[in-house]
């Protein structure tokens, strides 16, 4: 079968979503549409949430590999709701709200779960606590930057300037997935913390510089 029509894809996809996740989510979406399976976009969002939420207890009981796999699977499934909404012309503002809030819950539970796992296998130090907090707050700040930019400036940050979205949700979850499966959970959290804060600060400065020139937010 051919690739998913461009209208079914999300223009703000990150690199992992575009080149990895969509290869799998599109297969699922095409199967649902072809066989007329009564799955709504909101139901798909909730399934992705449940899969991601299941990673938290697995981290807590010391199963990082299984938890990491669920994190990535949730990231893949998160693409299905939007694909179905666009293919079936079922996109709604509530659906975007519903999916966005559930995504934030999964983001938080994944970082907290990985942090709890680390606290059980290595001594809890002030340095480790800082990494955990930076990874969690950085994750939230990326989402907040995107929301404020779209609401106040009228555009997604990726469409302004040259700073690439290296800290997109798909990238963050993929890093946590790799770290969990390969045994580098701490390294994954460090990478997430560094990437998110670099992106937020760099993009914020870029938006502050370019917005007046482009007439954004007036």
Protein backbone atom coordinates (compact mmCIF):
# COMPACT_ATOMS: atom_id res chain seq x y z
CA UNK A 1 0.00 0.00 0.00
CA UNK A 2 1.16 3.56 -0.62
CA UNK A 3 2.04 6.13 1.96
CA UNK A 4 -0.54 8.00 3.97
CA UNK A 5 -1.99 11.05 2.19
CA UNK A 6 -0.21 14.22 3.21
CA UNK A 7 -3.41 15.66 4.67
CA UNK A 8 -3.42 12.87 7.25
CA UNK A 9 -0.01 13.88 8.58
CA UNK A 10 0.86 16.57 11.09
CA UNK A 11 2.97 19.47 9.76
CA UNK A 12 4.66 19.92 13.15
CA UNK A 13 5.99 16.34 13.32
CA UNK A 14 9.45 15.94 14.77
CA UNK A 15 12.17 13.87 13.15
CA UNK A 16 11.31 10.64 14.97
CA UNK A 17 7.60 10.99 14.27
CA UNK A 18 8.23 11.71 10.61
CA UNK A 19 10.77 9.00 9.85
CA UNK A 20 10.02 6.30 12.43
CA UNK A 21 6.68 6.55 14.21
CA UNK A 22 4.55 7.36 11.16
CA UNK A 23 5.71 4.18 9.43
CA UNK A 24 3.88 2.22 12.10
CA UNK A 25 1.01 4.52 13.04
CA UNK A 26 -0.02 4.88 9.41
CA UNK A 27 -0.28 1.10 9.09
CA UNK A 28 -2.63 1.06 12.06
CA UNK A 29 -4.69 4.00 10.78
CA UNK A 30 -5.03 2.52 7.31
CA UNK A 31 -6.12 -0.80 8.83
CA UNK A 32 -8.75 0.92 10.98
CA UNK A 33 -10.13 2.91 8.05
CA UNK A 34 -10.01 0.03 5.56
CA UNK A 35 -11.85 -2.38 7.84
CA UNK A 36 -14.24 0.27 9.15
CA UNK A 37 -13.27 -0.42 12.75
CA UNK A 38 -15.40 1.84 15.00
CA UNK A 39 -12.45 3.58 16.64
CA UNK A 40 -12.79 7.31 17.18
CA UNK A 41 -9.81 9.67 17.42
CA UNK A 42 -10.55 10.33 21.09
CA UNK A 43 -10.65 6.61 21.81
CA UNK A 44 -7.28 6.25 20.07
CA UNK A 45 -5.92 9.08 22.26
CA UNK A 46 -7.10 7.26 25.37
CA UNK A 47 -5.53 3.98 24.27
CA UNK A 48 -2.20 5.74 23.71
CA UNK A 49 -2.57 7.27 27.18
CA UNK A 50 -3.24 3.89 28.83
CA UNK A 51 -0.21 2.33 27.15
CA UNK A 52 2.02 5.21 28.24
CA UNK A 53 0.62 5.24 31.77
CA UNK A 54 1.41 1.53 32.12
CA UNK A 55 5.11 2.39 31.86
CA UNK A 56 5.07 4.09 35.29
CA UNK A 57 4.43 0.98 37.43
CA UNK A 58 6.90 -1.00 35.32
CA UNK A 59 9.64 1.53 36.09
CA UNK A 60 8.68 1.42 39.78
CA UNK A 61 9.01 -2.38 39.98
CA UNK A 62 12.37 -2.33 38.17
CA UNK A 63 11.39 -3.28 34.63
CA UNK A 64 12.90 -0.43 32.58
CA UNK A 65 13.11 -2.36 29.31
CA UNK A 66 9.39 -3.17 29.29
CA UNK A 67 8.60 0.36 30.45
CA UNK A 68 10.71 1.89 27.69
CA UNK A 69 9.01 -0.23 25.06
CA UNK A 70 5.60 0.96 26.26
CA UNK A 71 6.80 4.57 26.19
CA UNK A 72 7.76 4.25 22.54
CA UNK A 73 4.63 2.27 21.68
CA UNK A 74 2.53 5.03 23.24
CA UNK A 75 4.42 7.59 21.15
CA UNK A 76 3.61 5.62 18.00
CA UNK A 77 -0.05 5.17 18.94
CA UNK A 78 -0.28 8.89 19.68
CA UNK A 79 -0.04 9.49 15.95
CA UNK A 80 -3.11 7.37 15.20
CA UNK A 81 -5.66 9.73 16.72
CA UNK A 82 -4.60 12.66 14.57
CA UNK A 83 -4.37 10.55 11.44
CA UNK A 84 -7.87 9.20 11.97
CA UNK A 85 -9.22 12.67 12.73
CA UNK A 86 -7.80 14.09 9.52
CA UNK A 87 -8.64 11.09 7.32
CA UNK A 88 -12.21 10.82 8.59
CA UNK A 89 -12.74 14.58 8.86
CA UNK A 90 -13.34 14.27 12.61
CA UNK A 91 -10.91 16.93 13.82
CA UNK A 92 -12.30 19.01 16.70
CA UNK A 93 -10.92 21.55 19.14
CA UNK A 94 -12.01 19.31 22.00
CA UNK A 95 -10.11 16.39 20.48
CA UNK A 96 -6.93 18.46 20.37
CA UNK A 97 -7.49 19.52 24.00
CA UNK A 98 -8.22 15.95 25.12
CA UNK A 99 -5.16 14.54 23.37
CA UNK A 100 -2.89 17.34 24.57
CA UNK A 101 -3.76 16.89 28.24
CA UNK A 102 -3.40 13.11 28.08
CA UNK A 103 -0.01 13.53 26.37
CA UNK A 104 1.19 15.73 29.24
CA UNK A 105 0.10 13.11 31.77
CA UNK A 106 2.10 10.47 29.91
CA UNK A 107 5.13 12.77 29.64
CA UNK A 108 5.10 13.37 33.39
CA UNK A 109 4.51 9.73 34.32
CA UNK A 110 7.32 8.56 32.03
CA UNK A 111 9.86 10.97 33.52
CA UNK A 112 8.69 10.33 37.09
CA UNK A 113 8.74 6.57 36.54
CA UNK A 114 12.27 6.66 35.14
CA UNK A 115 13.35 8.87 38.04
CA UNK A 116 11.86 6.52 40.64
CA UNK A 117 13.65 3.60 38.98
CA UNK A 118 16.98 5.46 39.11
CA UNK A 119 16.47 6.36 42.77
CA UNK A 120 16.15 2.64 43.50
CA UNK A 121 19.31 1.51 41.69
CA UNK A 122 21.76 4.33 42.41
CA UNK A 123 22.26 6.54 45.48
CA UNK A 124 19.91 9.51 45.50
CA UNK A 125 22.12 12.59 45.36
CA UNK A 126 21.50 16.28 44.85
CA UNK A 127 22.94 15.94 41.33
CA UNK A 128 20.51 13.16 40.46
CA UNK A 129 17.62 15.18 41.87
CA UNK A 130 18.61 18.16 39.73
CA UNK A 131 18.71 15.99 36.59
CA UNK A 132 15.26 14.58 37.36
CA UNK A 133 13.77 18.02 37.95
CA UNK A 134 15.38 19.53 34.84
CA UNK A 135 14.17 16.66 32.64
CA UNK A 136 10.63 17.01 33.99
CA UNK A 137 10.45 20.81 33.95
CA UNK A 138 12.17 21.00 30.56
CA UNK A 139 9.61 18.60 29.12
CA UNK A 140 6.78 20.78 30.43
CA UNK A 141 8.46 23.98 29.24
CA UNK A 142 8.70 22.73 25.64
CA UNK A 143 4.96 22.13 25.57
CA UNK A 144 4.29 25.49 27.24
CA UNK A 145 6.50 27.33 24.75
CA UNK A 146 4.59 25.77 21.87
CA UNK A 147 1.20 26.56 23.38
CA UNK A 148 2.06 30.18 24.20
CA UNK A 149 3.59 30.76 20.78
CA UNK A 150 0.53 29.43 19.00
CA UNK A 151 -1.86 31.31 21.26
CA UNK A 152 -0.03 34.64 21.53
CA UNK A 153 2.00 34.80 18.33
CA UNK A 154 -0.40 32.88 16.11
CA UNK A 155 2.12 30.31 14.88
CA UNK A 156 4.02 27.21 15.95
CA UNK A 157 7.67 27.99 16.83
CA UNK A 158 8.98 25.53 14.24
CA UNK A 159 7.69 27.83 11.50
CA UNK A 160 9.75 30.75 12.78
CA UNK A 161 13.53 31.00 12.58
CA UNK A 162 16.19 28.36 12.19
CA UNK A 163 16.34 26.60 15.57
CA UNK A 164 15.15 23.06 14.83
CA UNK A 165 12.74 21.29 17.16
CA UNK A 166 15.27 18.83 18.56
CA UNK A 167 13.25 18.47 21.76
CA UNK A 168 9.89 17.49 20.26
CA UNK A 169 7.77 15.01 22.21
CA UNK A 170 8.53 12.15 19.83
CA UNK A 171 12.26 12.81 20.23
CA UNK A 172 12.09 12.97 24.03
CA UNK A 173 10.14 9.73 24.33
CA UNK A 174 12.43 8.02 21.83
CA UNK A 175 15.48 9.03 23.86
CA UNK A 176 13.86 7.66 27.02
CA UNK A 177 12.95 4.47 25.15
CA UNK A 178 16.52 3.93 23.96
CA UNK A 179 18.00 4.72 27.35
CA UNK A 180 15.60 2.35 29.10
CA UNK A 181 16.18 -0.55 26.71
CA UNK A 182 19.96 -0.13 26.54
CA UNK A 183 20.47 0.45 30.25
CA UNK A 184 21.25 4.17 30.10
CA UNK A 185 18.24 5.67 31.88
CA UNK A 186 20.30 8.33 33.64
CA UNK A 187 21.99 9.32 30.38
CA UNK A 188 18.56 9.57 28.75
CA UNK A 189 17.29 11.95 31.43
CA UNK A 190 20.44 14.06 31.13
CA UNK A 191 19.95 14.24 27.36
CA UNK A 192 16.29 15.18 27.75
CA UNK A 193 17.14 17.89 30.28
CA UNK A 194 19.89 19.34 28.09
CA UNK A 195 17.90 19.22 24.85
CA UNK A 196 14.72 20.68 26.29
CA UNK A 197 16.38 23.63 28.00
CA UNK A 198 18.65 24.36 25.06
CA UNK A 199 15.65 24.35 22.73
CA UNK A 200 13.40 26.41 25.00
CA UNK A 201 16.00 29.10 25.66
CA UNK A 202 17.27 29.25 22.07
CA UNK A 203 13.79 29.27 20.57
CA UNK A 204 12.54 31.85 23.06
CA UNK A 205 15.37 34.20 22.19
CA UNK A 206 14.81 33.60 18.48
CA UNK A 207 11.09 34.32 18.80
CA UNK A 208 11.76 37.47 20.80
CA UNK A 209 14.11 38.69 18.08
CA UNK A 210 12.06 37.72 15.04
CA UNK A 211 8.47 38.29 16.18
CA UNK A 212 8.60 42.12 15.91
CA UNK A 213 10.26 41.85 12.49
CA UNK A 214 7.60 39.43 11.24
CA UNK A 215 4.69 41.25 12.85
CA UNK A 216 3.71 38.32 15.02
CA UNK A 217 1.54 38.70 18.11
CA UNK A 218 0.07 42.11 17.24
